[in-house]
Amino acid sequence: MLSQRIFTRRLPQLAARYTVPRAAFSQGRTLAAAELDDPLQNNNYQNPPRVKRAFRDPYGDWWDKQERRNFGEPVHEENEILSVFSPEQYTHVTPRKGIFQIGAFVVTFLGLCGVVSLYYPDRPSVPKTYPEGLEKELGGAHAVPARKSGEDSL
């Protein structure tokens, strides 16, 4: 009986805690606020053009010669990708030239494999034989015997 009284008292308190609050703002105000927000979401920070600093003039008069930037120059949002120490973009080989080089390597490698397979000997000219077939050295009378001298079969 006591447990029923405790259970009935706590149930309304738990139900009161988990009620969903009603929205205190109107839908019109949220739509107007969305138009005022910055579409780039960077609080109107001036974003310079996306140019890797490795492609800038290395002999220019830079304030920071290592990073190739001047004092007060705005930093791009993706500075870690555009810095001098980011992974290098290889621009010295065009895709057409790269595919040609890979194809030349494959043709050369397969041609070399073909030439080696033509001139590579299949097996020794005379199979190796042992006197008495090394019966004692390989384990005795019940062991599998090696080829004895005079046997020609494989």
C-alpha atoms as a PDB file:
ATOM      1  CA  MET A   1       0.000   0.000   0.000  1.00  0.00           C
ATOM      2  CA  LEU A   2       2.798   2.352   0.835  1.00  0.00           C
ATOM      3  CA  SER A   3       4.515   1.579  -2.487  1.00  0.00           C
ATOM      4  CA  GLN A   4       1.310   2.466  -4.364  1.00  0.00           C
ATOM      5  CA  ARG A   5       1.133   5.854  -2.641  1.00  0.00           C
ATOM      6  CA  ILE A   6       4.772   6.629  -3.482  1.00  0.00           C
ATOM      7  CA  PHE A   7       4.294   5.562  -7.072  1.00  0.00           C
ATOM      8  CA  THR A   8       1.159   7.676  -7.552  1.00  0.00           C
ATOM      9  CA  ARG A   9       2.810  10.736  -6.061  1.00  0.00           C
ATOM     10  CA  ARG A  10       5.933  10.632  -8.271  1.00  0.00           C
ATOM     11  CA  LEU A  11       4.166   9.987 -11.538  1.00  0.00           C
ATOM     12  CA  PRO A  12       2.720  13.501 -11.939  1.00  0.00           C
ATOM     13  CA  GLN A  13       6.114  15.030 -11.111  1.00  0.00           C
ATOM     14  CA  LEU A  14       7.875  12.979 -13.799  1.00  0.00           C
ATOM     15  CA  ALA A  15       5.215  13.812 -16.361  1.00  0.00           C
ATOM     16  CA  ALA A  16       5.544  17.510 -15.596  1.00  0.00           C
ATOM     17  CA  ARG A  17       9.306  17.459 -16.170  1.00  0.00           C
ATOM     18  CA  TYR A  18       9.171  16.025 -19.683  1.00  0.00           C
ATOM     19  CA  THR A  19       6.600  18.285 -21.281  1.00  0.00           C
ATOM     20  CA  VAL A  20       7.675  19.933 -24.529  1.00  0.00           C
ATOM     21  CA  PRO A  21       7.898  23.730 -24.267  1.00  0.00           C
ATOM     22  CA  ARG A  22       6.004  25.771 -26.819  1.00  0.00           C
ATOM     23  CA  ALA A  23       7.925  27.907 -29.278  1.00  0.00           C
ATOM     24  CA  ALA A  24       8.185  31.500 -28.128  1.00  0.00           C
ATOM     25  CA  PHE A  25       8.972  32.957 -31.538  1.00  0.00           C
ATOM     26  CA  SER A  26       7.073  33.248 -34.771  1.00  0.00           C
ATOM     27  CA  GLN A  27       7.926  31.629 -38.078  1.00  0.00           C
ATOM     28  CA  GLY A  28       8.096  34.992 -39.861  1.00  0.00           C
ATOM     29  CA  ARG A  29      10.934  36.237 -37.669  1.00  0.00           C
ATOM     30  CA  THR A  30      13.029  33.138 -38.394  1.00  0.00           C
ATOM     31  CA  LEU A  31      12.593  33.498 -42.152  1.00  0.00           C
ATOM     32  CA  ALA A  32      13.690  37.133 -42.024  1.00  0.00           C
ATOM     33  CA  ALA A  33      16.716  36.221 -39.871  1.00  0.00           C
ATOM     34  CA  ALA A  34      17.821  33.564 -42.369  1.00  0.00           C
ATOM     35  CA  GLU A  35      18.133  36.195 -45.108  1.00  0.00           C
ATOM     36  CA  LEU A  36      20.422  38.338 -42.959  1.00  0.00           C
ATOM     37  CA  ASP A  37      22.833  35.502 -42.208  1.00  0.00           C
ATOM     38  CA  ASP A  38      26.054  35.286 -44.157  1.00  0.00           C
ATOM     39  CA  PRO A  39      25.785  32.568 -46.829  1.00  0.00           C
ATOM     40  CA  LEU A  40      29.473  31.682 -46.405  1.00  0.00           C
ATOM     41  CA  GLN A  41      29.024  31.624 -42.607  1.00  0.00           C
ATOM     42  CA  ASN A  42      32.287  33.408 -41.919  1.00  0.00           C
ATOM     43  CA  ASN A  43      30.858  36.667 -40.475  1.00  0.00           C
ATOM     44  CA  ASN A  44      31.668  38.715 -43.587  1.00  0.00           C
ATOM     45  CA  TYR A  45      35.401  37.987 -43.333  1.00  0.00           C
ATOM     46  CA  GLN A  46      37.138  38.908 -46.569  1.00  0.00           C
ATOM     47  CA  ASN A  47      38.035  35.633 -48.255  1.00  0.00           C
ATOM     48  CA  PRO A  48      40.910  36.063 -50.725  1.00  0.00           C
ATOM     49  CA  PRO A  49      41.072  34.041 -53.954  1.00  0.00           C
ATOM     50  CA  ARG A  50      41.916  30.357 -53.603  1.00  0.00           C
ATOM     51  CA  VAL A  51      45.552  30.300 -54.807  1.00  0.00           C
ATOM     52  CA  LYS A  52      48.214  28.007 -53.372  1.00  0.00           C
ATOM     53  CA  ARG A  53      51.076  29.972 -51.889  1.00  0.00           C
ATOM     54  CA  ALA A  54      53.550  27.572 -53.483  1.00  0.00           C
ATOM     55  CA  PHE A  55      52.550  29.053 -56.856  1.00  0.00           C
ATOM     56  CA  ARG A  56      53.274  32.634 -55.752  1.00  0.00           C
ATOM     57  CA  ASP A  57      56.486  34.366 -56.828  1.00  0.00           C
ATOM     58  CA  PRO A  58      59.252  32.995 -54.576  1.00  0.00           C
ATOM     59  CA  TYR A  59      61.464  36.018 -55.269  1.00  0.00           C
ATOM     60  CA  GLY A  60      58.788  38.620 -54.459  1.00  0.00           C
ATOM     61  CA  ASP A  61      59.164  41.103 -51.616  1.00  0.00           C
ATOM     62  CA  TRP A  62      57.113  39.227 -49.012  1.00  0.00           C
ATOM     63  CA  TRP A  63      56.909  40.160 -45.348  1.00  0.00           C
ATOM     64  CA  ASP A  64      56.848  36.440 -44.467  1.00  0.00           C
ATOM     65  CA  LYS A  65      59.194  34.913 -47.024  1.00  0.00           C
ATOM     66  CA  GLN A  66      58.563  31.324 -45.924  1.00  0.00           C
ATOM     67  CA  GLU A  67      54.762  31.474 -46.266  1.00  0.00           C
ATOM     68  CA  ARG A  68      54.879  34.063 -49.082  1.00  0.00           C
ATOM     69  CA  ARG A  69      52.412  36.499 -47.560  1.00  0.00           C
ATOM     70  CA  ASN A  70      52.460  40.134 -46.479  1.00  0.00           C
ATOM     71  CA  PHE A  71      51.656  41.634 -43.094  1.00  0.00           C
ATOM     72  CA  GLY A  72      47.922  42.201 -42.650  1.00  0.00           C
ATOM     73  CA  GLU A  73      46.980  40.145 -45.685  1.00  0.00           C
ATOM     74  CA  PRO A  74      43.756  38.211 -45.013  1.00  0.00           C
ATOM     75  CA  VAL A  75      44.207  34.495 -44.611  1.00  0.00           C
ATOM     76  CA  HIS A  76      42.013  32.189 -46.669  1.00  0.00           C
ATOM     77  CA  GLU A  77      39.474  30.015 -44.894  1.00  0.00           C
ATOM     78  CA  GLU A  78      41.342  26.905 -46.108  1.00  0.00           C
ATOM     79  CA  ASN A  79      44.791  28.149 -45.107  1.00  0.00           C
ATOM     80  CA  GLU A  80      46.081  24.698 -44.155  1.00  0.00           C
ATOM     81  CA  ILE A  81      45.391  23.427 -47.689  1.00  0.00           C
ATOM     82  CA  LEU A  82      46.762  26.491 -49.474  1.00  0.00           C
ATOM     83  CA  SER A  83      49.956  26.955 -47.430  1.00  0.00           C
ATOM     84  CA  VAL A  84      53.450  26.288 -48.722  1.00  0.00           C
ATOM     85  CA  PHE A  85      53.705  23.084 -46.666  1.00  0.00           C
ATOM     86  CA  SER A  86      50.543  21.482 -48.012  1.00  0.00           C
ATOM     87  CA  PRO A  87      50.800  18.471 -50.345  1.00  0.00           C
ATOM     88  CA  GLU A  88      52.244  19.468 -53.679  1.00  0.00           C
ATOM     89  CA  GLN A  89      50.104  19.728 -56.785  1.00  0.00           C
ATOM     90  CA  TYR A  90      52.081  18.265 -59.653  1.00  0.00           C
ATOM     91  CA  THR A  91      51.595  20.520 -62.648  1.00  0.00           C
ATOM     92  CA  HIS A  92      54.709  19.552 -64.634  1.00  0.00           C
ATOM     93  CA  VAL A  93      53.106  16.492 -66.311  1.00  0.00           C
ATOM     94  CA  THR A  94      49.854  16.677 -68.262  1.00  0.00           C
ATOM     95  CA  PRO A  95      47.404  13.760 -68.018  1.00  0.00           C
ATOM     96  CA  ARG A  96      48.042  12.778 -71.656  1.00  0.00           C
ATOM     97  CA  LYS A  97      51.799  12.631 -71.092  1.00  0.00           C
ATOM     98  CA  GLY A  98      51.319  10.668 -67.835  1.00  0.00           C
ATOM     99  CA  ILE A  99      49.120   8.044 -69.512  1.00  0.00           C
ATOM    100  CA  PHE A 100      51.680   7.746 -72.322  1.00  0.00           C
ATOM    101  CA  GLN A 101      54.491   7.197 -69.807  1.00  0.00           C
ATOM    102  CA  ILE A 102      52.533   4.530 -67.902  1.00  0.00           C
ATOM    103  CA  GLY A 103      51.678   2.779 -71.183  1.00  0.00           C
ATOM    104  CA  ALA A 104      55.330   2.857 -72.282  1.00  0.00           C
ATOM    105  CA  PHE A 105      56.350   1.284 -68.969  1.00  0.00           C
ATOM    106  CA  VAL A 106      53.757  -1.501 -69.280  1.00  0.00           C
ATOM    107  CA  VAL A 107      54.771  -2.288 -72.885  1.00  0.00           C
ATOM    108  CA  THR A 108      58.484  -2.312 -71.963  1.00  0.00           C
ATOM    109  CA  PHE A 109      57.910  -4.533 -68.916  1.00  0.00           C
ATOM    110  CA  LEU A 110      55.773  -7.059 -70.805  1.00  0.00           C
ATOM    111  CA  GLY A 111      58.250  -7.070 -73.717  1.00  0.00           C
ATOM    112  CA  LEU A 112      61.118  -7.801 -71.347  1.00  0.00           C
ATOM    113  CA  CYS A 113      59.089 -10.612 -69.732  1.00  0.00           C
ATOM    114  CA  GLY A 114      58.429 -12.084 -73.199  1.00  0.00           C
ATOM    115  CA  VAL A 115      62.101 -11.990 -74.203  1.00  0.00           C
ATOM    116  CA  VAL A 116      63.158 -13.631 -70.927  1.00  0.00           C
ATOM    117  CA  SER A 117      60.515 -16.353 -71.309  1.00  0.00           C
ATOM    118  CA  LEU A 118      61.814 -17.171 -74.826  1.00  0.00           C
ATOM    119  CA  TYR A 119      65.432 -17.616 -73.750  1.00  0.00           C
ATOM    120  CA  TYR A 120      64.982 -18.927 -70.186  1.00  0.00           C
ATOM    121  CA  PRO A 121      65.937 -22.623 -69.915  1.00  0.00           C
ATOM    122  CA  ASP A 122      63.112 -24.894 -68.823  1.00  0.00           C
ATOM    123  CA  ARG A 123      65.152 -27.399 -66.787  1.00  0.00           C
ATOM    124  CA  PRO A 124      68.738 -28.508 -66.332  1.00  0.00           C
ATOM    125  CA  SER A 125      70.111 -30.569 -69.210  1.00  0.00           C
ATOM    126  CA  VAL A 126      70.955 -33.614 -67.010  1.00  0.00           C
ATOM    127  CA  PRO A 127      69.004 -34.402 -63.853  1.00  0.00           C
ATOM    128  CA  LYS A 128      71.094 -34.676 -60.697  1.00  0.00           C
ATOM    129  CA  THR A 129      71.631 -38.234 -59.381  1.00  0.00           C
ATOM    130  CA  TYR A 130      73.098 -39.625 -56.171  1.00  0.00           C
ATOM    131  CA  PRO A 131      74.901 -42.944 -55.579  1.00  0.00           C
ATOM    132  CA  GLU A 132      72.517 -45.436 -53.972  1.00  0.00           C
ATOM    133  CA  GLY A 133      69.843 -42.696 -53.923  1.00  0.00           C
ATOM    134  CA  LEU A 134      70.986 -41.299 -50.536  1.00  0.00           C
ATOM    135  CA  GLU A 135      68.863 -43.934 -48.827  1.00  0.00           C
ATOM    136  CA  LYS A 136      70.783 -43.826 -45.570  1.00  0.00           C
ATOM    137  CA  GLU A 137      70.904 -39.996 -45.449  1.00  0.00           C
ATOM    138  CA  LEU A 138      67.150 -39.604 -46.178  1.00  0.00           C
ATOM    139  CA  GLY A 139      65.945 -41.875 -43.399  1.00  0.00           C
ATOM    140  CA  GLY A 140      66.552 -45.536 -44.090  1.00  0.00           C
ATOM    141  CA  ALA A 141      64.804 -48.375 -45.880  1.00  0.00           C
ATOM    142  CA  HIS A 142      61.204 -47.207 -45.414  1.00  0.00           C
ATOM    143  CA  ALA A 143      61.773 -43.620 -46.496  1.00  0.00           C
ATOM    144  CA  VAL A 144      60.814 -42.366 -49.938  1.00  0.00           C
ATOM    145  CA  PRO A 145      63.947 -42.964 -52.038  1.00  0.00           C
ATOM    146  CA  ALA A 146      65.583 -40.289 -54.097  1.00  0.00           C
ATOM    147  CA  ARG A 147      66.410 -40.943 -57.741  1.00  0.00           C
ATOM    148  CA  LYS A 148      69.205 -43.513 -58.081  1.00  0.00           C
ATOM    149  CA  SER A 149      71.915 -43.228 -60.679  1.00  0.00           C
ATOM    150  CA  GLY A 150      70.725 -44.599 -63.982  1.00  0.00           C
ATOM    151  CA  GLU A 151      67.034 -43.688 -63.490  1.00  0.00           C
ATOM    152  CA  ASP A 152      65.728 -41.276 -66.124  1.00  0.00           C
ATOM    153  CA  SER A 153      62.075 -40.937 -65.121  1.00  0.00           C
ATOM    154  CA  LEU A 154      60.784 -37.918 -63.295  1.00  0.00           C
END
